[in-house]
Amino acid sequence: MRHEEELYDDDSPETDELEGPAFEGHRLAYIKQIALDEAKAMGLVIPSEIKLPANVKLFALHAADGTTLGITDNWASAYSAAVQNNFVPVSVH
């Protein structure tokens, strides 16, 4: 058995069943730390009753093709969202 086969379930979908860019049969997503202004430029809407400091650290989850999948306030949430939606997450700096 190859090492890669040991890492993934046998129940994972075949490469041709996946949508979007894939690496070794798995959809990739990347997590990037962003500033509040960048998040707002991506379309993030913050309710008026929520006040965030200008220097808040946010994390954007993007599909491999650059599509924004979500924005959260911590890396672990972005990672979990990727895994729960059958993406293989990677971090970028």
PDB file of N, CA and C in Angstrom:
ATOM      1  N   MET A   1       0.847  -1.173   0.000  1.00  0.00           N
ATOM      2  CA  MET A   1       0.000   0.000   0.000  1.00  0.00           C
ATOM      3  C   MET A   1       0.895   1.240   0.000  1.00  0.00           C
ATOM      4  N   ARG A   2       0.609   2.195  -0.856  1.00  0.00           N
ATOM      5  CA  ARG A   2       1.366   3.435  -0.898  1.00  0.00           C
ATOM      6  C   ARG A   2       1.041   4.288   0.317  1.00  0.00           C
ATOM      7  N   HIS A   3       1.975   5.131   0.703  1.00  0.00           N
ATOM      8  CA  HIS A   3       1.805   5.993   1.879  1.00  0.00           C
ATOM      9  C   HIS A   3       0.566   6.879   1.754  1.00  0.00           C
ATOM     10  N   GLU A   4       0.316   7.453   0.569  1.00  0.00           N
ATOM     11  CA  GLU A   4      -0.843   8.331   0.381  1.00  0.00           C
ATOM     12  C   GLU A   4      -2.151   7.589   0.624  1.00  0.00           C
ATOM     13  N   GLU A   5      -2.192   6.328   0.254  1.00  0.00           N
ATOM     14  CA  GLU A   5      -3.415   5.551   0.433  1.00  0.00           C
ATOM     15  C   GLU A   5      -3.699   5.302   1.907  1.00  0.00           C
ATOM     16  N   GLU A   6      -2.666   5.259   2.717  1.00  0.00           N
ATOM     17  CA  GLU A   6      -2.859   5.055   4.146  1.00  0.00           C
ATOM     18  C   GLU A   6      -3.446   6.303   4.814  1.00  0.00           C
ATOM     19  N   LEU A   7      -3.214   7.482   4.241  1.00  0.00           N
ATOM     20  CA  LEU A   7      -3.660   8.723   4.850  1.00  0.00           C
ATOM     21  C   LEU A   7      -5.140   9.022   4.638  1.00  0.00           C
ATOM     22  N   TYR A   8      -5.730   8.470   3.626  1.00  0.00           N
ATOM     23  CA  TYR A   8      -7.102   8.819   3.269  1.00  0.00           C
ATOM     24  C   TYR A   8      -8.003   7.585   3.299  1.00  0.00           C
ATOM     25  N   ASP A   9      -9.263   7.821   3.616  1.00  0.00           N
ATOM     26  CA  ASP A   9     -10.249   6.738   3.634  1.00  0.00           C
ATOM     27  C   ASP A   9     -10.427   6.142   2.248  1.00  0.00           C
ATOM     28  N   ASP A  10     -10.751   4.886   2.215  1.00  0.00           N
ATOM     29  CA  ASP A  10     -11.095   4.258   0.937  1.00  0.00           C
ATOM     30  C   ASP A  10     -12.440   4.748   0.441  1.00  0.00           C
ATOM     31  N   ASP A  11     -13.235   5.381   1.314  1.00  0.00           N
ATOM     32  CA  ASP A  11     -14.547   5.891   0.944  1.00  0.00           C
ATOM     33  C   ASP A  11     -14.478   7.261   0.272  1.00  0.00           C
ATOM     34  N   SER A  12     -13.292   7.850   0.127  1.00  0.00           N
ATOM     35  CA  SER A  12     -13.196   9.168  -0.489  1.00  0.00           C
ATOM     36  C   SER A  12     -13.554   9.067  -1.963  1.00  0.00           C
ATOM     37  N   PRO A  13     -14.167  10.146  -2.524  1.00  0.00           N
ATOM     38  CA  PRO A  13     -14.604  10.110  -3.918  1.00  0.00           C
ATOM     39  C   PRO A  13     -13.426  10.001  -4.882  1.00  0.00           C
ATOM     40  N   GLU A  14     -13.706   9.464  -6.039  1.00  0.00           N
ATOM     41  CA  GLU A  14     -12.703   9.356  -7.086  1.00  0.00           C
ATOM     42  C   GLU A  14     -12.372  10.741  -7.617  1.00  0.00           C
ATOM     43  N   THR A  15     -11.205  10.879  -8.247  1.00  0.00           N
ATOM     44  CA  THR A  15     -10.742  12.160  -8.762  1.00  0.00           C
ATOM     45  C   THR A  15     -11.745  12.802  -9.703  1.00  0.00           C
ATOM     46  N   ASP A  16     -12.340  12.043 -10.608  1.00  0.00           N
ATOM     47  CA  ASP A  16     -13.238  12.632 -11.587  1.00  0.00           C
ATOM     48  C   ASP A  16     -14.573  13.057 -10.994  1.00  0.00           C
ATOM     49  N   GLU A  17     -14.872  12.689  -9.759  1.00  0.00           N
ATOM     50  CA  GLU A  17     -16.112  13.098  -9.112  1.00  0.00           C
ATOM     51  C   GLU A  17     -15.963  14.440  -8.408  1.00  0.00           C
ATOM     52  N   LEU A  18     -14.735  14.898  -8.193  1.00  0.00           N
ATOM     53  CA  LEU A  18     -14.500  16.145  -7.485  1.00  0.00           C
ATOM     54  C   LEU A  18     -14.666  17.330  -8.415  1.00  0.00           C
ATOM     55  N   GLU A  19     -15.145  18.429  -7.854  1.00  0.00           N
ATOM     56  CA  GLU A  19     -15.252  19.654  -8.626  1.00  0.00           C
ATOM     57  C   GLU A  19     -14.110  20.571  -8.229  1.00  0.00           C
ATOM     58  N   GLY A  20     -13.609  21.350  -9.145  1.00  0.00           N
ATOM     59  CA  GLY A  20     -12.556  22.309  -8.849  1.00  0.00           C
ATOM     60  C   GLY A  20     -11.175  21.695  -8.959  1.00  0.00           C
ATOM     61  N   PRO A  21     -10.164  22.549  -8.878  1.00  0.00           N
ATOM     62  CA  PRO A  21      -8.787  22.064  -8.978  1.00  0.00           C
ATOM     63  C   PRO A  21      -8.494  21.025  -7.901  1.00  0.00           C
ATOM     64  N   ALA A  22      -7.725  20.023  -8.261  1.00  0.00           N
ATOM     65  CA  ALA A  22      -7.430  18.946  -7.321  1.00  0.00           C
ATOM     66  C   ALA A  22      -5.955  18.597  -7.389  1.00  0.00           C
ATOM     67  N   PHE A  23      -5.450  18.057  -6.306  1.00  0.00           N
ATOM     68  CA  PHE A  23      -4.087  17.564  -6.228  1.00  0.00           C
ATOM     69  C   PHE A  23      -4.159  16.142  -5.722  1.00  0.00           C
ATOM     70  N   GLU A  24      -3.659  15.217  -6.501  1.00  0.00           N
ATOM     71  CA  GLU A  24      -3.710  13.795  -6.173  1.00  0.00           C
ATOM     72  C   GLU A  24      -5.122  13.366  -5.779  1.00  0.00           C
ATOM     73  N   GLY A  25      -6.128  13.899  -6.492  1.00  0.00           N
ATOM     74  CA  GLY A  25      -7.504  13.483  -6.276  1.00  0.00           C
ATOM     75  C   GLY A  25      -8.230  14.200  -5.156  1.00  0.00           C
ATOM     76  N   HIS A  26      -7.608  15.203  -4.542  1.00  0.00           N
ATOM     77  CA  HIS A  26      -8.242  15.897  -3.432  1.00  0.00           C
ATOM     78  C   HIS A  26      -8.344  17.384  -3.730  1.00  0.00           C
ATOM     79  N   ARG A  27      -9.489  17.973  -3.393  1.00  0.00           N
ATOM     80  CA  ARG A  27      -9.687  19.403  -3.608  1.00  0.00           C
ATOM     81  C   ARG A  27      -8.855  20.188  -2.596  1.00  0.00           C
ATOM     82  N   LEU A  28      -8.175  21.197  -3.085  1.00  0.00           N
ATOM     83  CA  LEU A  28      -7.355  22.023  -2.226  1.00  0.00           C
ATOM     84  C   LEU A  28      -8.069  23.323  -1.886  1.00  0.00           C
ATOM     85  N   ALA A  29      -7.825  23.819  -0.692  1.00  0.00           N
ATOM     86  CA  ALA A  29      -8.280  25.136  -0.275  1.00  0.00           C
ATOM     87  C   ALA A  29      -7.141  25.753   0.508  1.00  0.00           C
ATOM     88  N   TYR A  30      -7.070  27.061   0.489  1.00  0.00           N
ATOM     89  CA  TYR A  30      -6.003  27.683   1.256  1.00  0.00           C
ATOM     90  C   TYR A  30      -6.556  28.683   2.252  1.00  0.00           C
ATOM     91  N   ILE A  31      -5.826  28.828   3.343  1.00  0.00           N
ATOM     92  CA  ILE A  31      -6.190  29.710   4.440  1.00  0.00           C
ATOM     93  C   ILE A  31      -5.176  30.843   4.455  1.00  0.00           C
ATOM     94  N   LYS A  32      -5.693  32.066   4.458  1.00  0.00           N
ATOM     95  CA  LYS A  32      -4.824  33.234   4.420  1.00  0.00           C
ATOM     96  C   LYS A  32      -5.274  34.223   5.484  1.00  0.00           C
ATOM     97  N   GLN A  33      -4.333  34.733   6.255  1.00  0.00           N
ATOM     98  CA  GLN A  33      -4.655  35.778   7.226  1.00  0.00           C
ATOM     99  C   GLN A  33      -4.875  37.078   6.474  1.00  0.00           C
ATOM    100  N   ILE A  34      -5.957  37.788   6.830  1.00  0.00           N
ATOM    101  CA  ILE A  34      -6.291  39.037   6.151  1.00  0.00           C
ATOM    102  C   ILE A  34      -6.666  40.104   7.187  1.00  0.00           C
ATOM    103  N   ALA A  35      -6.638  41.350   6.751  1.00  0.00           N
ATOM    104  CA  ALA A  35      -7.029  42.474   7.598  1.00  0.00           C
ATOM    105  C   ALA A  35      -8.521  42.749   7.404  1.00  0.00           C
ATOM    106  N   LEU A  36      -9.092  43.499   8.301  1.00  0.00           N
ATOM    107  CA  LEU A  36     -10.508  43.843   8.246  1.00  0.00           C
ATOM    108  C   LEU A  36     -10.874  44.555   6.946  1.00  0.00           C
ATOM    109  N   ASP A  37     -10.040  45.503   6.509  1.00  0.00           N
ATOM    110  CA  ASP A  37     -10.327  46.221   5.261  1.00  0.00           C
ATOM    111  C   ASP A  37     -10.375  45.268   4.068  1.00  0.00           C
ATOM    112  N   GLU A  38      -9.462  44.311   4.035  1.00  0.00           N
ATOM    113  CA  GLU A  38      -9.449  43.334   2.938  1.00  0.00           C
ATOM    114  C   GLU A  38     -10.699  42.460   2.987  1.00  0.00           C
ATOM    115  N   ALA A  39     -11.119  42.076   4.192  1.00  0.00           N
ATOM    116  CA  ALA A  39     -12.328  41.261   4.344  1.00  0.00           C
ATOM    117  C   ALA A  39     -13.561  42.024   3.848  1.00  0.00           C
ATOM    118  N   LYS A  40     -13.632  43.305   4.188  1.00  0.00           N
ATOM    119  CA  LYS A  40     -14.756  44.127   3.716  1.00  0.00           C
ATOM    120  C   LYS A  40     -14.736  44.254   2.200  1.00  0.00           C
ATOM    121  N   ALA A  41     -13.554  44.368   1.616  1.00  0.00           N
ATOM    122  CA  ALA A  41     -13.427  44.439   0.160  1.00  0.00           C
ATOM    123  C   ALA A  41     -13.884  43.137  -0.504  1.00  0.00           C
ATOM    124  N   MET A  42     -13.782  42.021   0.219  1.00  0.00           N
ATOM    125  CA  MET A  42     -14.230  40.723  -0.293  1.00  0.00           C
ATOM    126  C   MET A  42     -15.739  40.551  -0.147  1.00  0.00           C
ATOM    127  N   GLY A  43     -16.385  41.503   0.525  1.00  0.00           N
ATOM    128  CA  GLY A  43     -17.824  41.424   0.672  1.00  0.00           C
ATOM    129  C   GLY A  43     -18.321  41.100   2.067  1.00  0.00           C
ATOM    130  N   LEU A  44     -17.422  41.033   3.039  1.00  0.00           N
ATOM    131  CA  LEU A  44     -17.837  40.759   4.410  1.00  0.00           C
ATOM    132  C   LEU A  44     -18.725  41.889   4.917  1.00  0.00           C
ATOM    133  N   VAL A  45     -19.882  41.528   5.424  1.00  0.00           N
ATOM    134  CA  VAL A  45     -20.805  42.502   6.001  1.00  0.00           C
ATOM    135  C   VAL A  45     -20.846  42.254   7.499  1.00  0.00           C
ATOM    136  N   ILE A  46     -20.542  43.288   8.257  1.00  0.00           N
ATOM    137  CA  ILE A  46     -20.521  43.183   9.713  1.00  0.00           C
ATOM    138  C   ILE A  46     -21.705  43.974  10.255  1.00  0.00           C
ATOM    139  N   PRO A  47     -22.577  43.338  11.025  1.00  0.00           N
ATOM    140  CA  PRO A  47     -23.715  44.063  11.605  1.00  0.00           C
ATOM    141  C   PRO A  47     -23.247  45.266  12.419  1.00  0.00           C
ATOM    142  N   SER A  48     -24.031  46.317  12.422  1.00  0.00           N
ATOM    143  CA  SER A  48     -23.636  47.566  13.083  1.00  0.00           C
ATOM    144  C   SER A  48     -23.424  47.404  14.584  1.00  0.00           C
ATOM    145  N   GLU A  49     -24.067  46.428  15.206  1.00  0.00           N
ATOM    146  CA  GLU A  49     -23.902  46.238  16.654  1.00  0.00           C
ATOM    147  C   GLU A  49     -22.593  45.528  17.018  1.00  0.00           C
ATOM    148  N   ILE A  50     -21.878  45.024  16.036  1.00  0.00           N
ATOM    149  CA  ILE A  50     -20.595  44.370  16.285  1.00  0.00           C
ATOM    150  C   ILE A  50     -19.484  45.349  15.942  1.00  0.00           C
ATOM    151  N   LYS A  51     -18.642  45.618  16.913  1.00  0.00           N
ATOM    152  CA  LYS A  51     -17.508  46.536  16.728  1.00  0.00           C
ATOM    153  C   LYS A  51     -16.211  45.732  16.768  1.00  0.00           C
ATOM    154  N   LEU A  52     -15.474  45.787  15.683  1.00  0.00           N
ATOM    155  CA  LEU A  52     -14.186  45.093  15.609  1.00  0.00           C
ATOM    156  C   LEU A  52     -13.067  46.118  15.574  1.00  0.00           C
ATOM    157  N   PRO A  53     -11.970  45.854  16.263  1.00  0.00           N
ATOM    158  CA  PRO A  53     -10.832  46.779  16.189  1.00  0.00           C
ATOM    159  C   PRO A  53     -10.232  46.756  14.780  1.00  0.00           C
ATOM    160  N   ALA A  54      -9.677  47.862  14.378  1.00  0.00           N
ATOM    161  CA  ALA A  54      -9.104  47.979  13.032  1.00  0.00           C
ATOM    162  C   ALA A  54      -7.985  46.969  12.790  1.00  0.00           C
ATOM    163  N   ASN A  55      -7.292  46.558  13.853  1.00  0.00           N
ATOM    164  CA  ASN A  55      -6.163  45.634  13.684  1.00  0.00           C
ATOM    165  C   ASN A  55      -6.540  44.166  13.926  1.00  0.00           C
ATOM    166  N   VAL A  56      -7.821  43.833  13.874  1.00  0.00           N
ATOM    167  CA  VAL A  56      -8.267  42.459  14.100  1.00  0.00           C
ATOM    168  C   VAL A  56      -7.674  41.538  13.026  1.00  0.00           C
ATOM    169  N   LYS A  57      -7.315  40.324  13.420  1.00  0.00           N
ATOM    170  CA  LYS A  57      -6.800  39.326  12.488  1.00  0.00           C
ATOM    171  C   LYS A  57      -7.959  38.429  12.072  1.00  0.00           C
ATOM    172  N   LEU A  58      -8.177  38.326  10.780  1.00  0.00           N
ATOM    173  CA  LEU A  58      -9.211  37.452  10.233  1.00  0.00           C
ATOM    174  C   LEU A  58      -8.541  36.440   9.316  1.00  0.00           C
ATOM    175  N   PHE A  59      -9.258  35.373   9.020  1.00  0.00           N
ATOM    176  CA  PHE A  59      -8.727  34.316   8.167  1.00  0.00           C
ATOM    177  C   PHE A  59      -9.730  34.004   7.072  1.00  0.00           C
ATOM    178  N   ALA A  60      -9.259  34.069   5.837  1.00  0.00           N
ATOM    179  CA  ALA A  60     -10.101  33.770   4.686  1.00  0.00           C
ATOM    180  C   ALA A  60      -9.783  32.367   4.187  1.00  0.00           C
ATOM    181  N   LEU A  61     -10.832  31.650   3.838  1.00  0.00           N
ATOM    182  CA  LEU A  61     -10.696  30.324   3.250  1.00  0.00           C
ATOM    183  C   LEU A  61     -11.051  30.454   1.779  1.00  0.00           C
ATOM    184  N   HIS A  62     -10.122  30.081   0.918  1.00  0.00           N
ATOM    185  CA  HIS A  62     -10.303  30.191  -0.525  1.00  0.00           C
ATOM    186  C   HIS A  62     -10.175  28.822  -1.178  1.00  0.00           C
ATOM    187  N   ALA A  63     -10.970  28.598  -2.209  1.00  0.00           N
ATOM    188  CA  ALA A  63     -10.788  27.417  -3.046  1.00  0.00           C
ATOM    189  C   ALA A  63      -9.511  27.611  -3.847  1.00  0.00           C
ATOM    190  N   ALA A  64      -8.980  26.554  -4.405  1.00  0.00           N
ATOM    191  CA  ALA A  64      -7.729  26.631  -5.156  1.00  0.00           C
ATOM    192  C   ALA A  64      -7.828  27.581  -6.344  1.00  0.00           C
ATOM    193  N   ASP A  65      -9.031  27.803  -6.861  1.00  0.00           N
ATOM    194  CA  ASP A  65      -9.192  28.726  -7.989  1.00  0.00           C
ATOM    195  C   ASP A  65      -9.331  30.179  -7.547  1.00  0.00           C
ATOM    196  N   GLY A  66      -9.238  30.447  -6.231  1.00  0.00           N
ATOM    197  CA  GLY A  66      -9.297  31.810  -5.716  1.00  0.00           C
ATOM    198  C   GLY A  66     -10.652  32.233  -5.191  1.00  0.00           C
ATOM    199  N   THR A  67     -11.678  31.440  -5.387  1.00  0.00           N
ATOM    200  CA  THR A  67     -13.013  31.756  -4.896  1.00  0.00           C
ATOM    201  C   THR A  67     -13.008  31.795  -3.373  1.00  0.00           C
ATOM    202  N   THR A  68     -13.537  32.878  -2.796  1.00  0.00           N
ATOM    203  CA  THR A  68     -13.614  32.971  -1.346  1.00  0.00           C
ATOM    204  C   THR A  68     -14.734  32.077  -0.842  1.00  0.00           C
ATOM    205  N   LEU A  69     -14.403  31.163   0.044  1.00  0.00           N
ATOM    206  CA  LEU A  69     -15.380  30.237   0.609  1.00  0.00           C
ATOM    207  C   LEU A  69     -15.925  30.740   1.941  1.00  0.00           C
ATOM    208  N   GLY A  70     -15.119  31.513   2.664  1.00  0.00           N
ATOM    209  CA  GLY A  70     -15.578  32.025   3.945  1.00  0.00           C
ATOM    210  C   GLY A  70     -14.507  32.837   4.638  1.00  0.00           C
ATOM    211  N   ILE A  71     -14.939  33.579   5.651  1.00  0.00           N
ATOM    212  CA  ILE A  71     -14.048  34.395   6.466  1.00  0.00           C
ATOM    213  C   ILE A  71     -14.404  34.135   7.920  1.00  0.00           C
ATOM    214  N   THR A  72     -13.382  33.955   8.753  1.00  0.00           N
ATOM    215  CA  THR A  72     -13.609  33.679  10.165  1.00  0.00           C
ATOM    216  C   THR A  72     -12.571  34.425  11.002  1.00  0.00           C
ATOM    217  N   ASP A  73     -12.743  34.363  12.309  1.00  0.00           N
ATOM    218  CA  ASP A  73     -11.829  35.093  13.182  1.00  0.00           C
ATOM    219  C   ASP A  73     -10.681  34.251  13.728  1.00  0.00           C
ATOM    220  N   ASN A  74     -10.614  32.968  13.338  1.00  0.00           N
ATOM    221  CA  ASN A  74      -9.468  32.177  13.774  1.00  0.00           C
ATOM    222  C   ASN A  74      -9.134  31.083  12.764  1.00  0.00           C
ATOM    223  N   TRP A  75      -7.876  30.712  12.774  1.00  0.00           N
ATOM    224  CA  TRP A  75      -7.365  29.747  11.813  1.00  0.00           C
ATOM    225  C   TRP A  75      -8.046  28.383  11.968  1.00  0.00           C
ATOM    226  N   ALA A  76      -8.265  27.959  13.205  1.00  0.00           N
ATOM    227  CA  ALA A  76      -8.852  26.635  13.453  1.00  0.00           C
ATOM    228  C   ALA A  76     -10.247  26.514  12.840  1.00  0.00           C
ATOM    229  N   SER A  77     -11.032  27.568  12.895  1.00  0.00           N
ATOM    230  CA  SER A  77     -12.372  27.537  12.285  1.00  0.00           C
ATOM    231  C   SER A  77     -12.281  27.408  10.770  1.00  0.00           C
ATOM    232  N   ALA A  78     -11.340  28.134  10.174  1.00  0.00           N
ATOM    233  CA  ALA A  78     -11.159  28.039   8.723  1.00  0.00           C
ATOM    234  C   ALA A  78     -10.721  26.631   8.335  1.00  0.00           C
ATOM    235  N   TYR A  79      -9.807  26.063   9.094  1.00  0.00           N
ATOM    236  CA  TYR A  79      -9.329  24.709   8.836  1.00  0.00           C
ATOM    237  C   TYR A  79     -10.478  23.700   8.953  1.00  0.00           C
ATOM    238  N   SER A  80     -11.242  23.811  10.025  1.00  0.00           N
ATOM    239  CA  SER A  80     -12.369  22.891  10.246  1.00  0.00           C
ATOM    240  C   SER A  80     -13.401  22.985   9.132  1.00  0.00           C
ATOM    241  N   ALA A  81     -13.698  24.206   8.696  1.00  0.00           N
ATOM    242  CA  ALA A  81     -14.663  24.391   7.614  1.00  0.00           C
ATOM    243  C   ALA A  81     -14.177  23.728   6.333  1.00  0.00           C
ATOM    244  N   ALA A  82     -12.890  23.844   6.061  1.00  0.00           N
ATOM    245  CA  ALA A  82     -12.333  23.212   4.865  1.00  0.00           C
ATOM    246  C   ALA A  82     -12.486  21.697   4.938  1.00  0.00           C
ATOM    247  N   VAL A  83     -12.089  21.115   6.051  1.00  0.00           N
ATOM    248  CA  VAL A  83     -12.146  19.660   6.217  1.00  0.00           C
ATOM    249  C   VAL A  83     -13.590  19.155   6.158  1.00  0.00           C
ATOM    250  N   GLN A  84     -14.500  19.861   6.812  1.00  0.00           N
ATOM    251  CA  GLN A  84     -15.903  19.447   6.823  1.00  0.00           C
ATOM    252  C   GLN A  84     -16.531  19.486   5.437  1.00  0.00           C
ATOM    253  N   ASN A  85     -15.944  20.291   4.547  1.00  0.00           N
ATOM    254  CA  ASN A  85     -16.468  20.409   3.179  1.00  0.00           C
ATOM    255  C   ASN A  85     -15.589  19.685   2.170  1.00  0.00           C
ATOM    256  N   ASN A  86     -14.839  18.704   2.657  1.00  0.00           N
ATOM    257  CA  ASN A  86     -14.030  17.812   1.821  1.00  0.00           C
ATOM    258  C   ASN A  86     -12.947  18.519   1.026  1.00  0.00           C
ATOM    259  N   PHE A  87     -12.326  19.537   1.641  1.00  0.00           N
ATOM    260  CA  PHE A  87     -11.164  20.186   1.057  1.00  0.00           C
ATOM    261  C   PHE A  87      -9.940  19.777   1.870  1.00  0.00           C
ATOM    262  N   VAL A  88      -8.787  19.830   1.235  1.00  0.00           N
ATOM    263  CA  VAL A  88      -7.531  19.639   1.921  1.00  0.00           C
ATOM    264  C   VAL A  88      -6.960  21.050   2.132  1.00  0.00           C
ATOM    265  N   PRO A  89      -6.946  21.538   3.376  1.00  0.00           N
ATOM    266  CA  PRO A  89      -6.509  22.917   3.619  1.00  0.00           C
ATOM    267  C   PRO A  89      -4.989  23.055   3.679  1.00  0.00           C
ATOM    268  N   VAL A  90      -4.511  24.177   3.158  1.00  0.00           N
ATOM    269  CA  VAL A  90      -3.114  24.553   3.263  1.00  0.00           C
ATOM    270  C   VAL A  90      -3.057  26.019   3.654  1.00  0.00           C
ATOM    271  N   SER A  91      -2.027  26.415   4.362  1.00  0.00           N
ATOM    272  CA  SER A  91      -1.869  27.816   4.756  1.00  0.00           C
ATOM    273  C   SER A  91      -0.960  28.522   3.779  1.00  0.00           C
ATOM    274  N   VAL A  92      -1.239  29.796   3.566  1.00  0.00           N
ATOM    275  CA  VAL A  92      -0.360  30.642   2.747  1.00  0.00           C
ATOM    276  C   VAL A  92      -0.007  31.867   3.564  1.00  0.00           C
ATOM    277  N   HIS A  93       1.121  32.461   3.226  1.00  0.00           N
ATOM    278  CA  HIS A  93       1.583  33.640   3.974  1.00  0.00           C
ATOM    279  C   HIS A  93       1.610  34.834   3.067  1.00  0.00           C
TER     280      HIS A  93
END
